[in-house]
Amino acid sequence: MVHLPTIISISILLNLIIGAFLLSLYFLRKQSSYLYWGSSCLIFVLAQITASLRLFIDLPFITHYIADLLIISAPLAAILGIHAYTQSEKQKLKLCAYLLGASAIVLLPLYSNSINQLITTAVIAACFSYAAYALRKLNVEHIIHLVLLQLCFVLHACIMLLQLGLLVIDGLNIFTFDFSQILAIILLSHIVITTLTAMIWPLLMFLESEQILSDLANRDPLTGLLNRRAFLTISNNYLEQANNNLTELCALMIDIDFFKKVNDQYGHDTGDEALKWVANKIKSQLREGDLIARIGGEEFAVLLTNTSLQKGQILSERIRVAINSETFIHQQHKIKLSISVGIITHKSGSNNINELLAQADKGLYKAKSNGRNQVVMMAF
């Protein structure tokens, strides 16, 4: 069997490092989720130290009562860290404080009694179950890391429930079986999974922070579409691939008709919602691999990969009809919107995406000149 003191020592060291790292991130970025999660790691370290002292000193108030409260506090701090990510920790702070206070009152007369372990185990199982539930509300890009974190909490809750069941059976003397080895394995699992959970959270937060920075650099903050710079960068790569593979692609320039009137008549808030509505309508008609960007006020650019002019025209017309056939509704305002589209196909030769977009823009200008709400094809 693995030497338990060694595992505890390694766990203490790792949680100290992770906790200190998370607290340093908090002081650097001022994100309270790092503060709560770092505190959770350090509280767990204190819990392990105080619980381990029972091997050396006979002070149950410290080695049992204080240790149990610290063990309960660690997942509560982690729960606040989860809610801090969605800026809702203030709503849960009182509830966590009440739970910790209630645990302190209930455990105080029982800390020298074996029933204290039952209560502590039940509270911890409830905390980990709730933490797994709370993670469902996180909106993150890296789902696999979130699932791993949820799995850790679910496993932790299951292990604590198993321990609770064994403690009840052992206390009732239903079987004469010695559960000490199983409980030792459960303790080991508790330490390992807690440490693993502490490692996954900062990784998830770091990846999400990087994703946010990337989105700020490459995404339009209103619609979530690519911005002009990112669109041109990716489009040039697509254009190069099309030239190498001798495949066709189409470029679309799309503009919302009379959009200034929407802003003037209904206000810029309604105009912003209209932009998002149109962006979603365009996206809903595109295929996986097609590119879309908001490149100006009410102007969008689309790149259709491996698409002939005929297919591009059909898809463009489908986009136009999808927008014109429905009514945009915002704050009881019903607004009919339409778009003008210029489309150009490219077969091979040019490596300049700006030249392609300029030709599509000529088609857009012609569509507006011809009365708007139509698709105009241009020959390259």
Protein backbone atom coordinates (compact mmCIF):
# COMPACT_ATOMS: atom_id res chain seq x y z
CA MET A 1 0.00 0.00 0.00
CA VAL A 2 1.15 3.57 -0.73
CA HIS A 3 2.76 5.27 2.26
CA LEU A 4 0.05 7.68 3.49
CA PRO A 5 2.39 10.19 5.20
CA THR A 6 4.28 10.53 1.90
CA ILE A 7 1.05 11.24 0.00
CA ILE A 8 -0.01 13.78 2.61
CA SER A 9 3.39 15.51 2.43
CA ILE A 10 3.26 15.68 -1.39
CA SER A 11 -0.32 16.95 -1.26
CA ILE A 12 0.61 19.66 1.25
CA LEU A 13 3.52 20.78 -0.93
CA LEU A 14 1.48 20.83 -4.16
CA ASN A 15 -1.46 22.67 -2.58
CA LEU A 16 0.92 25.21 -1.07
CA ILE A 17 2.47 25.87 -4.48
CA ILE A 18 -0.90 26.02 -6.27
CA GLY A 19 -2.45 28.18 -3.54
CA ALA A 20 0.46 30.64 -3.58
CA PHE A 21 0.36 30.76 -7.39
CA LEU A 22 -3.38 31.48 -7.43
CA LEU A 23 -3.07 34.19 -4.80
CA SER A 24 -0.27 35.81 -6.84
CA LEU A 25 -2.62 35.78 -9.85
CA TYR A 26 -5.28 37.43 -7.73
CA PHE A 27 -2.94 40.27 -6.75
CA LEU A 28 -1.89 40.58 -10.39
CA ARG A 29 -5.31 40.40 -12.09
CA LYS A 30 -7.69 41.25 -9.22
CA GLN A 31 -10.03 38.39 -10.16
CA SER A 32 -11.72 37.18 -6.98
CA SER A 33 -12.10 33.61 -8.31
CA TYR A 34 -8.33 33.22 -7.93
CA LEU A 35 -8.54 34.52 -4.35
CA TYR A 36 -11.21 32.03 -3.31
CA TRP A 37 -9.63 29.08 -5.08
CA GLY A 38 -6.16 29.88 -3.74
CA SER A 39 -7.64 30.20 -0.25
CA SER A 40 -9.31 26.81 -0.73
CA CYS A 41 -5.92 25.22 -1.43
CA LEU A 42 -4.28 26.82 1.60
CA ILE A 43 -7.22 25.95 3.87
CA PHE A 44 -6.93 22.33 2.74
CA VAL A 45 -3.22 22.44 3.65
CA LEU A 46 -4.09 23.66 7.15
CA ALA A 47 -6.76 20.95 7.43
CA GLN A 48 -4.23 18.24 6.57
CA ILE A 49 -1.66 19.63 9.03
CA THR A 50 -4.10 19.95 11.94
CA ALA A 51 -5.57 16.49 11.28
CA SER A 52 -2.07 14.97 11.08
CA LEU A 53 -1.18 16.46 14.48
CA ARG A 54 -3.40 13.87 16.16
CA LEU A 55 -0.52 11.43 15.66
CA PHE A 56 1.68 13.58 17.89
CA ILE A 57 -0.54 15.45 20.36
CA ASP A 58 -3.75 14.67 22.25
CA LEU A 59 -5.73 17.86 21.68
CA PRO A 60 -9.04 16.82 20.05
CA PHE A 61 -10.26 20.43 19.92
CA ILE A 62 -7.49 21.23 17.43
CA THR A 63 -6.92 17.88 15.73
CA HIS A 64 -10.62 17.07 15.32
CA TYR A 65 -12.83 20.13 15.75
CA ILE A 66 -10.62 22.76 14.05
CA ALA A 67 -9.50 20.22 11.44
CA ASP A 68 -13.12 19.35 10.58
CA LEU A 69 -14.09 23.00 10.21
CA LEU A 70 -11.11 23.58 7.93
CA ILE A 71 -12.00 20.53 5.85
CA ILE A 72 -15.53 21.92 5.42
CA SER A 73 -14.21 25.42 4.65
CA ALA A 74 -12.03 24.23 1.75
CA PRO A 75 -14.89 23.16 -0.61
CA LEU A 76 -16.95 26.19 0.50
CA ALA A 77 -14.13 28.47 -0.66
CA ALA A 78 -13.97 26.54 -3.94
CA ILE A 79 -17.74 27.02 -4.40
CA LEU A 80 -17.31 30.77 -3.90
CA GLY A 81 -14.50 30.66 -6.45
CA ILE A 82 -16.82 29.06 -8.99
CA HIS A 83 -19.50 31.70 -8.38
CA ALA A 84 -16.88 34.47 -8.47
CA TYR A 85 -16.22 33.54 -12.10
CA THR A 86 -19.83 34.50 -12.88
CA GLN A 87 -19.68 37.42 -10.40
CA SER A 88 -22.39 35.90 -8.20
CA GLU A 89 -20.26 35.01 -5.16
CA LYS A 90 -21.77 37.78 -3.03
CA GLN A 91 -25.14 36.04 -3.25
CA LYS A 92 -23.60 32.80 -1.95
CA LEU A 93 -21.21 34.25 0.64
CA LYS A 94 -23.84 34.45 3.37
CA LEU A 95 -25.10 30.94 2.65
CA CYS A 96 -21.57 29.53 2.91
CA ALA A 97 -20.98 31.47 6.12
CA TYR A 98 -24.25 30.18 7.58
CA LEU A 99 -23.36 26.60 6.68
CA LEU A 100 -19.91 26.92 8.23
CA GLY A 101 -21.39 28.56 11.33
CA ALA A 102 -24.04 25.87 11.69
CA SER A 103 -21.36 23.18 11.32
CA ALA A 104 -19.26 24.88 14.01
CA ILE A 105 -22.21 24.95 16.44
CA VAL A 106 -23.26 21.35 15.77
CA LEU A 107 -19.73 19.92 15.92
CA LEU A 108 -18.62 21.80 19.04
CA PRO A 109 -20.18 19.42 21.60
CA LEU A 110 -19.37 16.39 19.43
CA TYR A 111 -15.74 16.86 18.44
CA SER A 112 -14.56 14.18 20.84
CA ASN A 113 -17.30 11.83 19.66
CA SER A 114 -17.14 9.63 16.57
CA ILE A 115 -20.37 11.17 15.27
CA ASN A 116 -18.44 14.33 14.32
CA GLN A 117 -16.88 12.44 11.41
CA LEU A 118 -20.33 11.44 10.17
CA ILE A 119 -21.54 15.05 10.16
CA THR A 120 -18.35 16.37 8.56
CA THR A 121 -18.46 13.72 5.84
CA ALA A 122 -22.13 14.46 5.07
CA VAL A 123 -21.48 18.22 4.81
CA ILE A 124 -18.47 17.71 2.54
CA ALA A 125 -20.44 15.34 0.27
CA ALA A 126 -23.17 17.99 -0.03
CA CYS A 127 -20.60 20.70 -0.81
CA PHE A 128 -18.94 18.69 -3.58
CA SER A 129 -22.33 17.74 -5.05
CA TYR A 130 -23.33 21.40 -5.17
CA ALA A 131 -19.95 22.39 -6.67
CA ALA A 132 -20.48 19.92 -9.53
CA TYR A 133 -23.94 21.42 -10.08
CA ALA A 134 -22.62 25.02 -9.96
CA LEU A 135 -20.08 24.25 -12.69
CA ARG A 136 -22.96 23.59 -15.10
CA LYS A 137 -23.65 27.31 -15.21
CA LEU A 138 -20.15 28.28 -16.29
CA ASN A 139 -19.94 29.47 -19.87
CA VAL A 140 -16.48 28.42 -21.00
CA GLU A 141 -14.86 27.49 -24.30
CA HIS A 142 -12.74 24.60 -23.03
CA ILE A 143 -15.51 22.14 -22.22
CA ILE A 144 -13.23 19.14 -21.70
CA HIS A 145 -11.48 20.83 -18.75
CA LEU A 146 -14.84 21.79 -17.28
CA VAL A 147 -16.04 18.19 -17.61
CA LEU A 148 -12.88 16.94 -15.90
CA LEU A 149 -13.45 19.37 -13.06
CA GLN A 150 -17.08 18.27 -12.75
CA LEU A 151 -15.96 14.65 -12.75
CA CYS A 152 -13.56 15.35 -9.89
CA PHE A 153 -16.33 16.90 -7.81
CA VAL A 154 -18.77 14.08 -8.60
CA LEU A 155 -16.16 11.43 -7.69
CA HIS A 156 -15.38 13.34 -4.54
CA ALA A 157 -19.05 13.45 -3.55
CA CYS A 158 -19.41 9.71 -4.26
CA ILE A 159 -16.32 8.89 -2.19
CA MET A 160 -17.63 10.95 0.72
CA LEU A 161 -21.03 9.22 0.50
CA LEU A 162 -19.26 5.85 0.49
CA GLN A 163 -17.30 6.89 3.55
CA LEU A 164 -20.53 8.05 5.21
CA GLY A 165 -22.13 4.68 4.56
CA LEU A 166 -19.15 2.76 5.93
CA LEU A 167 -19.05 4.93 9.05
CA VAL A 168 -22.75 4.30 9.68
CA ILE A 169 -22.31 0.53 9.22
CA ASP A 170 -19.23 0.53 11.43
CA GLY A 171 -21.01 2.56 14.12
CA LEU A 172 -24.02 0.22 14.15
CA ASN A 173 -21.76 -2.84 14.39
CA ILE A 174 -23.79 -4.58 11.69
CA PHE A 175 -20.70 -6.43 10.47
CA THR A 176 -17.59 -7.51 12.32
CA PHE A 177 -15.50 -6.52 9.31
CA ASP A 178 -12.58 -4.11 9.87
CA PHE A 179 -13.16 -1.06 7.66
CA SER A 180 -9.94 0.71 8.62
CA GLN A 181 -8.09 -0.26 5.40
CA ILE A 182 -11.01 0.86 3.21
CA LEU A 183 -11.31 4.15 5.11
CA ALA A 184 -7.56 4.69 4.66
CA ILE A 185 -7.96 4.21 0.88
CA ILE A 186 -10.88 6.66 0.91
CA LEU A 187 -8.74 9.20 2.77
CA LEU A 188 -6.00 8.72 0.19
CA SER A 189 -8.50 9.21 -2.65
CA HIS A 190 -9.85 12.33 -0.94
CA ILE A 191 -6.35 13.85 -0.78
CA VAL A 192 -5.43 12.90 -4.37
CA ILE A 193 -8.69 14.13 -5.96
CA THR A 194 -8.62 17.38 -3.98
CA THR A 195 -5.09 18.05 -5.19
CA LEU A 196 -6.05 17.14 -8.78
CA THR A 197 -9.05 19.47 -8.60
CA ALA A 198 -6.81 22.27 -7.35
CA MET A 199 -4.58 21.76 -10.40
CA ILE A 200 -7.40 21.67 -13.00
CA TRP A 201 -9.08 24.91 -11.91
CA PRO A 202 -6.15 27.30 -12.55
CA LEU A 203 -5.52 25.54 -15.88
CA LEU A 204 -9.15 26.10 -16.87
CA MET A 205 -9.05 29.75 -15.77
CA PHE A 206 -5.76 30.36 -17.57
CA LEU A 207 -7.07 28.88 -20.82
CA GLU A 208 -10.26 30.91 -20.54
CA SER A 209 -8.27 34.10 -19.91
CA GLU A 210 -6.20 33.39 -23.00
CA GLN A 211 -9.41 32.75 -24.95
CA ILE A 212 -10.84 36.07 -23.76
CA LEU A 213 -7.68 37.92 -24.82
CA SER A 214 -7.80 36.16 -28.18
CA ASP A 215 -11.45 37.10 -28.62
CA LEU A 216 -10.70 40.72 -27.76
CA ALA A 217 -8.04 40.76 -30.48
CA ASN A 218 -9.95 38.82 -33.13
CA ARG A 219 -13.68 39.17 -32.42
CA ASP A 220 -16.23 41.91 -32.83
CA PRO A 221 -17.45 42.50 -29.25
CA LEU A 222 -21.08 43.14 -30.28
CA THR A 223 -21.83 40.21 -32.61
CA GLY A 224 -19.06 37.79 -31.61
CA LEU A 225 -18.07 37.47 -35.27
CA LEU A 226 -14.52 37.79 -36.56
CA ASN A 227 -13.31 41.37 -36.91
CA ARG A 228 -11.79 42.72 -40.13
CA ARG A 229 -8.18 42.02 -39.16
CA ALA A 230 -8.80 38.38 -38.20
CA PHE A 231 -11.00 37.83 -41.26
CA LEU A 232 -8.31 39.07 -43.64
CA THR A 233 -5.64 36.94 -41.97
CA ILE A 234 -7.67 33.73 -42.13
CA SER A 235 -9.05 34.52 -45.60
CA ASN A 236 -5.58 34.87 -47.05
CA ASN A 237 -4.79 31.37 -45.80
CA TYR A 238 -8.01 30.06 -47.38
CA LEU A 239 -7.15 31.84 -50.63
CA GLU A 240 -3.70 30.29 -50.69
CA GLN A 241 -5.18 26.82 -50.14
CA ALA A 242 -7.70 27.40 -52.93
CA ASN A 243 -4.89 28.36 -55.32
CA ASN A 244 -2.81 25.32 -54.35
CA ASN A 245 -5.76 22.93 -54.69
CA LEU A 246 -7.24 24.67 -57.77
CA THR A 247 -10.62 24.99 -56.04
CA GLU A 248 -13.17 27.79 -56.23
CA LEU A 249 -14.27 30.07 -53.46
CA CYS A 250 -16.74 32.92 -53.21
CA ALA A 251 -16.54 36.22 -51.36
CA LEU A 252 -19.67 38.06 -50.25
CA MET A 253 -20.05 41.66 -49.13
CA ILE A 254 -23.31 42.21 -47.23
CA ASP A 255 -24.83 45.48 -46.06
CA ILE A 256 -28.05 46.10 -44.12
CA ASP A 257 -30.34 48.37 -46.13
CA PHE A 258 -31.29 51.75 -44.62
CA PHE A 259 -29.71 50.84 -41.31
CA LYS A 260 -29.18 54.49 -40.35
CA LYS A 261 -32.96 54.89 -40.24
CA VAL A 262 -33.16 52.08 -37.66
CA ASN A 263 -30.70 53.89 -35.40
CA ASP A 264 -32.33 57.28 -35.94
CA GLN A 265 -35.91 56.08 -35.43
CA TYR A 266 -35.52 53.42 -32.72
CA GLY A 267 -32.20 54.24 -31.04
CA HIS A 268 -28.76 52.68 -31.02
CA ASP A 269 -29.72 49.93 -28.54
CA THR A 270 -32.27 48.65 -31.03
CA GLY A 271 -29.70 49.06 -33.79
CA ASP A 272 -27.21 46.93 -31.87
CA GLU A 273 -29.80 44.20 -31.37
CA ALA A 274 -30.65 44.37 -35.07
CA LEU A 275 -26.98 43.86 -35.95
CA LYS A 276 -26.81 40.78 -33.71
CA TRP A 277 -30.06 39.45 -35.20
CA VAL A 278 -28.77 39.83 -38.76
CA ALA A 279 -25.41 38.29 -37.81
CA ASN A 280 -27.16 35.23 -36.37
CA LYS A 281 -29.40 34.94 -39.44
CA ILE A 282 -26.36 34.95 -41.74
CA LYS A 283 -24.50 32.42 -39.57
CA SER A 284 -27.50 30.09 -39.54
CA GLN A 285 -27.30 29.72 -43.34
CA LEU A 286 -23.55 29.09 -43.55
CA ARG A 287 -21.72 25.79 -43.52
CA GLU A 288 -18.98 24.62 -41.24
CA GLY A 289 -15.73 26.05 -42.58
CA ASP A 290 -17.28 29.19 -44.09
CA LEU A 291 -16.02 32.49 -42.67
CA ILE A 292 -18.08 35.47 -41.58
CA ALA A 293 -16.95 38.79 -40.13
CA ARG A 294 -18.36 42.15 -39.24
CA ILE A 295 -15.95 44.48 -41.02
CA GLY A 296 -17.73 47.79 -40.58
CA GLY A 297 -20.77 49.41 -38.99
CA GLU A 298 -23.54 47.42 -40.69
CA GLU A 299 -21.31 45.64 -43.19
CA PHE A 300 -20.42 41.95 -43.16
CA ALA A 301 -18.00 39.86 -45.21
CA VAL A 302 -18.39 36.15 -45.92
CA LEU A 303 -16.00 33.68 -47.52
CA LEU A 304 -17.52 30.48 -48.93
CA THR A 305 -14.93 27.74 -49.34
CA ASN A 306 -14.95 25.31 -52.27
CA THR A 307 -18.00 27.03 -53.76
CA SER A 308 -18.85 27.83 -57.38
CA LEU A 309 -20.50 31.11 -58.37
CA GLN A 310 -23.83 29.33 -58.93
CA LYS A 311 -23.80 27.70 -55.49
CA GLY A 312 -22.64 30.95 -53.96
CA GLN A 313 -25.55 32.79 -55.56
CA ILE A 314 -28.02 30.21 -54.21
CA LEU A 315 -26.61 30.50 -50.69
CA SER A 316 -26.54 34.31 -50.89
CA GLU A 317 -30.17 34.36 -51.97
CA ARG A 318 -31.03 32.03 -49.09
CA ILE A 319 -29.39 34.45 -46.66
CA ARG A 320 -31.27 37.40 -48.17
CA VAL A 321 -34.63 35.62 -47.95
CA ALA A 322 -33.98 34.42 -44.38
CA ILE A 323 -33.60 38.04 -43.26
CA ASN A 324 -36.29 39.63 -45.43
CA SER A 325 -38.95 36.96 -44.77
CA GLU A 326 -38.94 37.47 -41.00
CA THR A 327 -39.59 40.51 -38.83
CA PHE A 328 -37.05 41.71 -36.30
CA ILE A 329 -38.76 42.45 -32.98
CA HIS A 330 -37.21 44.43 -30.15
CA GLN A 331 -38.98 46.19 -27.27
CA GLN A 332 -42.34 45.80 -29.04
CA HIS A 333 -40.92 47.38 -32.19
CA LYS A 334 -41.49 45.30 -35.33
CA ILE A 335 -38.92 46.19 -37.98
CA LYS A 336 -38.60 44.78 -41.49
CA LEU A 337 -34.96 44.46 -42.46
CA SER A 338 -33.33 43.60 -45.75
CA ILE A 339 -29.79 43.23 -47.06
CA SER A 340 -27.92 43.90 -50.27
CA VAL A 341 -25.25 41.40 -51.33
CA GLY A 342 -22.36 41.56 -53.75
CA ILE A 343 -20.76 38.24 -54.68
CA ILE A 344 -17.61 37.30 -56.57
CA THR A 345 -16.06 33.93 -57.27
CA HIS A 346 -12.36 33.27 -57.50
CA LYS A 347 -10.85 30.34 -59.35
CA SER A 348 -7.08 30.76 -59.16
CA GLY A 349 -4.27 33.24 -59.65
CA SER A 350 -4.65 36.07 -57.15
CA ASN A 351 -3.30 35.85 -53.64
CA ASN A 352 -4.85 39.16 -52.58
CA ILE A 353 -8.04 38.82 -50.56
CA ASN A 354 -8.50 42.61 -50.55
CA GLU A 355 -8.77 42.55 -54.35
CA LEU A 356 -11.44 39.86 -54.12
CA LEU A 357 -13.41 41.81 -51.51
CA ALA A 358 -13.11 44.99 -53.58
CA GLN A 359 -14.81 43.21 -56.52
CA ALA A 360 -17.55 41.88 -54.22
CA ASP A 361 -17.99 45.42 -52.88
CA LYS A 362 -18.61 46.64 -56.42
CA GLY A 363 -21.42 44.10 -56.65
CA LEU A 364 -22.79 45.37 -53.32
CA TYR A 365 -22.71 48.95 -54.60
CA LYS A 366 -24.58 47.88 -57.76
CA ALA A 367 -27.19 46.01 -55.65
CA LYS A 368 -27.83 49.22 -53.70
CA SER A 369 -27.96 51.29 -56.87
CA ASN A 370 -30.50 48.86 -58.37
CA GLY A 371 -32.91 49.30 -55.45
CA ARG A 372 -31.41 47.20 -52.60
CA ASN A 373 -32.68 43.89 -51.14
CA GLN A 374 -30.98 41.84 -53.86
CA VAL A 375 -27.91 39.82 -54.77
CA VAL A 376 -25.59 40.98 -57.57
CA MET A 377 -22.91 38.72 -59.05
CA MET A 378 -19.64 40.11 -60.34
CA ALA A 379 -17.25 38.53 -62.85
CA PHE A 380 -13.61 38.45 -61.71
